[in-house]
Amino acid sequence: MARCILSLHAGDETGGDFVDGYVARPATPGPHPGLVVISGMGGLNWFQGEITCAFARGGFVAVAPDLFDDALPLASDADVEE
């Protein structure tokens, strides 16, 4: 059975830094437990939004921040084999 949820692509600016992300929650009145969905190296994408919505359908308030700011992390010199 699918639950009704509210979801959006949102962001927040604090101290000059902007953080992009997805937020989803059940449409029913709370309180609801919350969780943070951490993305892989690919950063925030369509799949992260779908996972966030799946948790909301399960009764959670879910937030998926874009921790990589749409950029893949760079390997350090120690990570690169010669």
N, C-alpha and C. Protein backbone atom coordinates (compact mmCIF):
# COMPACT_ATOMS: atom_id res chain seq x y z
N MET A 1 0.84 -1.19 0.00
CA MET A 1 0.00 0.00 0.00
C MET A 1 0.88 1.25 0.00
N ALA A 2 0.66 2.13 -0.95
CA ALA A 2 1.43 3.37 -1.03
C ALA A 2 0.86 4.40 -0.07
N ARG A 3 1.74 5.05 0.65
CA ARG A 3 1.34 6.13 1.55
C ARG A 3 1.49 7.46 0.83
N CYS A 4 0.67 8.42 1.20
CA CYS A 4 0.76 9.76 0.65
C CYS A 4 1.92 10.49 1.34
N ILE A 5 2.79 11.09 0.52
CA ILE A 5 3.94 11.80 1.08
C ILE A 5 4.03 13.19 0.47
N LEU A 6 4.83 14.03 1.09
CA LEU A 6 5.19 15.35 0.57
C LEU A 6 6.69 15.34 0.34
N SER A 7 7.13 15.72 -0.86
CA SER A 7 8.56 15.74 -1.14
C SER A 7 8.92 16.96 -1.97
N LEU A 8 10.15 17.42 -1.83
CA LEU A 8 10.61 18.55 -2.62
C LEU A 8 12.12 18.57 -2.71
N HIS A 9 12.59 19.22 -3.75
CA HIS A 9 14.02 19.47 -3.94
C HIS A 9 14.25 20.83 -3.29
N ALA A 10 15.06 20.88 -2.26
CA ALA A 10 15.19 22.09 -1.46
C ALA A 10 16.65 22.44 -1.22
N GLY A 11 16.87 23.57 -0.59
CA GLY A 11 18.22 23.99 -0.24
C GLY A 11 18.19 24.94 0.93
N ASP A 12 19.36 25.19 1.50
CA ASP A 12 19.48 26.09 2.63
C ASP A 12 20.80 26.83 2.53
N GLU A 13 20.77 28.12 2.82
CA GLU A 13 22.00 28.91 2.82
C GLU A 13 22.28 29.39 4.24
N THR A 14 23.47 29.07 4.72
CA THR A 14 23.90 29.49 6.06
C THR A 14 25.34 29.97 5.97
N GLY A 15 25.59 31.17 6.42
CA GLY A 15 26.95 31.68 6.44
C GLY A 15 27.59 31.76 5.06
N GLY A 16 26.79 31.98 4.02
CA GLY A 16 27.33 32.09 2.67
C GLY A 16 27.50 30.76 1.95
N ASP A 17 27.26 29.64 2.63
CA ASP A 17 27.35 28.31 2.01
C ASP A 17 25.95 27.80 1.72
N PHE A 18 25.73 27.32 0.48
CA PHE A 18 24.43 26.79 0.08
C PHE A 18 24.51 25.28 0.00
N VAL A 19 23.55 24.60 0.64
CA VAL A 19 23.47 23.14 0.59
C VAL A 19 22.17 22.75 -0.10
N ASP A 20 22.30 21.98 -1.18
CA ASP A 20 21.19 21.49 -1.96
C ASP A 20 20.77 20.13 -1.41
N GLY A 21 19.52 19.72 -1.61
CA GLY A 21 19.12 18.40 -1.15
C GLY A 21 17.67 18.08 -1.44
N TYR A 22 17.26 16.87 -1.06
CA TYR A 22 15.88 16.42 -1.15
C TYR A 22 15.34 16.27 0.26
N VAL A 23 14.04 16.58 0.43
CA VAL A 23 13.34 16.40 1.70
C VAL A 23 12.02 15.70 1.40
N ALA A 24 11.69 14.68 2.18
CA ALA A 24 10.40 14.00 2.01
C ALA A 24 9.89 13.58 3.38
N ARG A 25 8.56 13.64 3.53
CA ARG A 25 7.94 13.25 4.79
C ARG A 25 6.55 12.71 4.53
N PRO A 26 6.02 11.94 5.48
CA PRO A 26 4.64 11.49 5.34
C PRO A 26 3.68 12.69 5.36
N ALA A 27 2.58 12.60 4.64
CA ALA A 27 1.61 13.69 4.62
C ALA A 27 0.75 13.71 5.88
N THR A 28 0.79 12.64 6.66
CA THR A 28 0.00 12.55 7.89
C THR A 28 0.66 13.36 9.00
N PRO A 29 -0.14 13.82 9.98
CA PRO A 29 0.45 14.57 11.09
C PRO A 29 1.45 13.72 11.86
N GLY A 30 2.48 14.35 12.41
CA GLY A 30 3.54 13.65 13.14
C GLY A 30 3.19 13.47 14.60
N PRO A 31 4.16 13.18 15.40
CA PRO A 31 5.59 13.20 15.08
C PRO A 31 6.02 11.96 14.28
N HIS A 32 7.09 12.14 13.49
CA HIS A 32 7.67 11.07 12.71
C HIS A 32 9.17 11.01 13.00
N PRO A 33 9.75 9.81 13.03
CA PRO A 33 11.20 9.73 13.20
C PRO A 33 11.89 10.29 11.96
N GLY A 34 13.10 10.79 12.14
CA GLY A 34 13.83 11.38 11.02
C GLY A 34 15.12 10.65 10.75
N LEU A 35 15.61 10.80 9.52
CA LEU A 35 16.91 10.22 9.17
C LEU A 35 17.53 11.02 8.03
N VAL A 36 18.85 10.89 7.93
CA VAL A 36 19.62 11.54 6.87
C VAL A 36 20.08 10.46 5.91
N VAL A 37 19.79 10.65 4.62
CA VAL A 37 20.20 9.71 3.58
C VAL A 37 21.52 10.22 3.00
N ILE A 38 22.58 9.43 3.18
CA ILE A 38 23.91 9.82 2.69
C ILE A 38 24.12 9.22 1.31
N SER A 39 24.55 10.07 0.37
CA SER A 39 24.75 9.61 -1.00
C SER A 39 26.13 8.98 -1.18
N GLY A 40 26.27 8.29 -2.28
CA GLY A 40 27.57 7.74 -2.66
C GLY A 40 28.40 8.80 -3.34
N MET A 41 29.49 8.38 -3.96
CA MET A 41 30.39 9.33 -4.61
C MET A 41 29.74 10.09 -5.75
N GLY A 42 28.64 9.57 -6.30
CA GLY A 42 27.96 10.27 -7.39
C GLY A 42 27.21 11.51 -6.95
N GLY A 43 27.10 11.71 -5.65
CA GLY A 43 26.41 12.89 -5.13
C GLY A 43 24.90 12.77 -5.27
N LEU A 44 24.23 13.89 -5.18
CA LEU A 44 22.78 13.94 -5.22
C LEU A 44 22.29 13.68 -6.65
N ASN A 45 21.39 12.72 -6.81
CA ASN A 45 20.87 12.40 -8.13
C ASN A 45 19.42 11.92 -8.00
N TRP A 46 18.84 11.51 -9.12
CA TRP A 46 17.46 11.06 -9.13
C TRP A 46 17.24 9.90 -8.15
N PHE A 47 18.18 8.97 -8.11
CA PHE A 47 18.05 7.80 -7.25
C PHE A 47 18.00 8.19 -5.77
N GLN A 48 18.79 9.18 -5.37
CA GLN A 48 18.76 9.65 -3.97
C GLN A 48 17.39 10.20 -3.63
N GLY A 49 16.77 10.91 -4.57
CA GLY A 49 15.42 11.41 -4.35
C GLY A 49 14.41 10.29 -4.18
N GLU A 50 14.56 9.23 -4.98
CA GLU A 50 13.66 8.08 -4.88
C GLU A 50 13.82 7.36 -3.54
N ILE A 51 15.05 7.20 -3.08
CA ILE A 51 15.29 6.56 -1.77
C ILE A 51 14.68 7.40 -0.65
N THR A 52 14.85 8.72 -0.75
CA THR A 52 14.30 9.62 0.25
C THR A 52 12.77 9.47 0.31
N CYS A 53 12.14 9.40 -0.85
CA CYS A 53 10.68 9.22 -0.91
C CYS A 53 10.26 7.85 -0.36
N ALA A 54 11.06 6.82 -0.61
CA ALA A 54 10.75 5.49 -0.09
C ALA A 54 10.75 5.49 1.44
N PHE A 55 11.72 6.17 2.05
CA PHE A 55 11.73 6.27 3.51
C PHE A 55 10.51 7.04 4.01
N ALA A 56 10.11 8.09 3.30
CA ALA A 56 8.92 8.85 3.70
C ALA A 56 7.67 7.98 3.63
N ARG A 57 7.57 7.13 2.59
CA ARG A 57 6.42 6.21 2.51
C ARG A 57 6.44 5.21 3.67
N GLY A 58 7.62 4.97 4.23
CA GLY A 58 7.76 4.07 5.38
C GLY A 58 7.51 4.77 6.71
N GLY A 59 7.19 6.08 6.68
CA GLY A 59 6.85 6.79 7.92
C GLY A 59 7.93 7.70 8.47
N PHE A 60 9.01 7.91 7.74
CA PHE A 60 10.11 8.74 8.21
C PHE A 60 10.11 10.11 7.55
N VAL A 61 10.66 11.10 8.25
CA VAL A 61 11.04 12.36 7.62
C VAL A 61 12.47 12.13 7.17
N ALA A 62 12.73 12.25 5.86
CA ALA A 62 14.04 11.93 5.31
C ALA A 62 14.63 13.14 4.60
N VAL A 63 15.92 13.37 4.83
CA VAL A 63 16.66 14.46 4.19
C VAL A 63 17.88 13.87 3.51
N ALA A 64 18.11 14.24 2.25
CA ALA A 64 19.29 13.79 1.51
C ALA A 64 20.06 15.02 1.05
N PRO A 65 21.07 15.45 1.82
CA PRO A 65 21.85 16.63 1.41
C PRO A 65 22.84 16.28 0.31
N ASP A 66 23.18 17.27 -0.52
CA ASP A 66 24.19 17.10 -1.56
C ASP A 66 25.55 17.40 -0.94
N LEU A 67 26.18 16.39 -0.40
CA LEU A 67 27.44 16.58 0.33
C LEU A 67 28.61 16.93 -0.58
N PHE A 68 28.51 16.59 -1.88
CA PHE A 68 29.61 16.84 -2.80
C PHE A 68 29.37 18.07 -3.67
N ASP A 69 28.27 18.79 -3.47
CA ASP A 69 27.98 20.01 -4.21
C ASP A 69 28.10 19.79 -5.72
N ASP A 70 27.53 18.68 -6.21
CA ASP A 70 27.54 18.32 -7.64
C ASP A 70 28.94 18.11 -8.21
N ALA A 71 29.92 17.85 -7.38
CA ALA A 71 31.28 17.59 -7.86
C ALA A 71 31.80 16.31 -7.23
N LEU A 72 32.42 15.46 -8.05
CA LEU A 72 33.02 14.24 -7.51
C LEU A 72 34.25 14.60 -6.70
N PRO A 73 34.50 13.90 -5.60
CA PRO A 73 35.71 14.19 -4.81
C PRO A 73 36.96 13.83 -5.61
N LEU A 74 37.97 14.64 -5.45
CA LEU A 74 39.22 14.40 -6.16
C LEU A 74 40.10 13.45 -5.37
N ALA A 75 40.80 12.58 -6.07
CA ALA A 75 41.74 11.68 -5.41
C ALA A 75 42.97 12.46 -4.99
N SER A 76 43.52 12.12 -3.84
CA SER A 76 44.77 12.75 -3.41
C SER A 76 45.93 12.03 -4.08
N ASP A 77 47.11 12.62 -4.02
CA ASP A 77 48.30 12.00 -4.62
C ASP A 77 48.55 10.62 -4.03
N ALA A 78 48.20 10.43 -2.74
CA ALA A 78 48.43 9.13 -2.09
C ALA A 78 47.49 8.07 -2.62
N ASP A 79 46.33 8.47 -3.20
CA ASP A 79 45.37 7.51 -3.73
C ASP A 79 45.69 7.07 -5.15
N VAL A 80 46.55 7.80 -5.83
CA VAL A 80 46.85 7.52 -7.23
C VAL A 80 48.10 6.66 -7.33
N GLU A 81 47.95 5.51 -7.99
CA GLU A 81 49.11 4.64 -8.18
C GLU A 81 49.87 5.08 -9.42
N GLU A 82 51.17 5.00 -9.35
CA GLU A 82 52.00 5.39 -10.49
C GLU A 82 52.30 4.19 -11.34
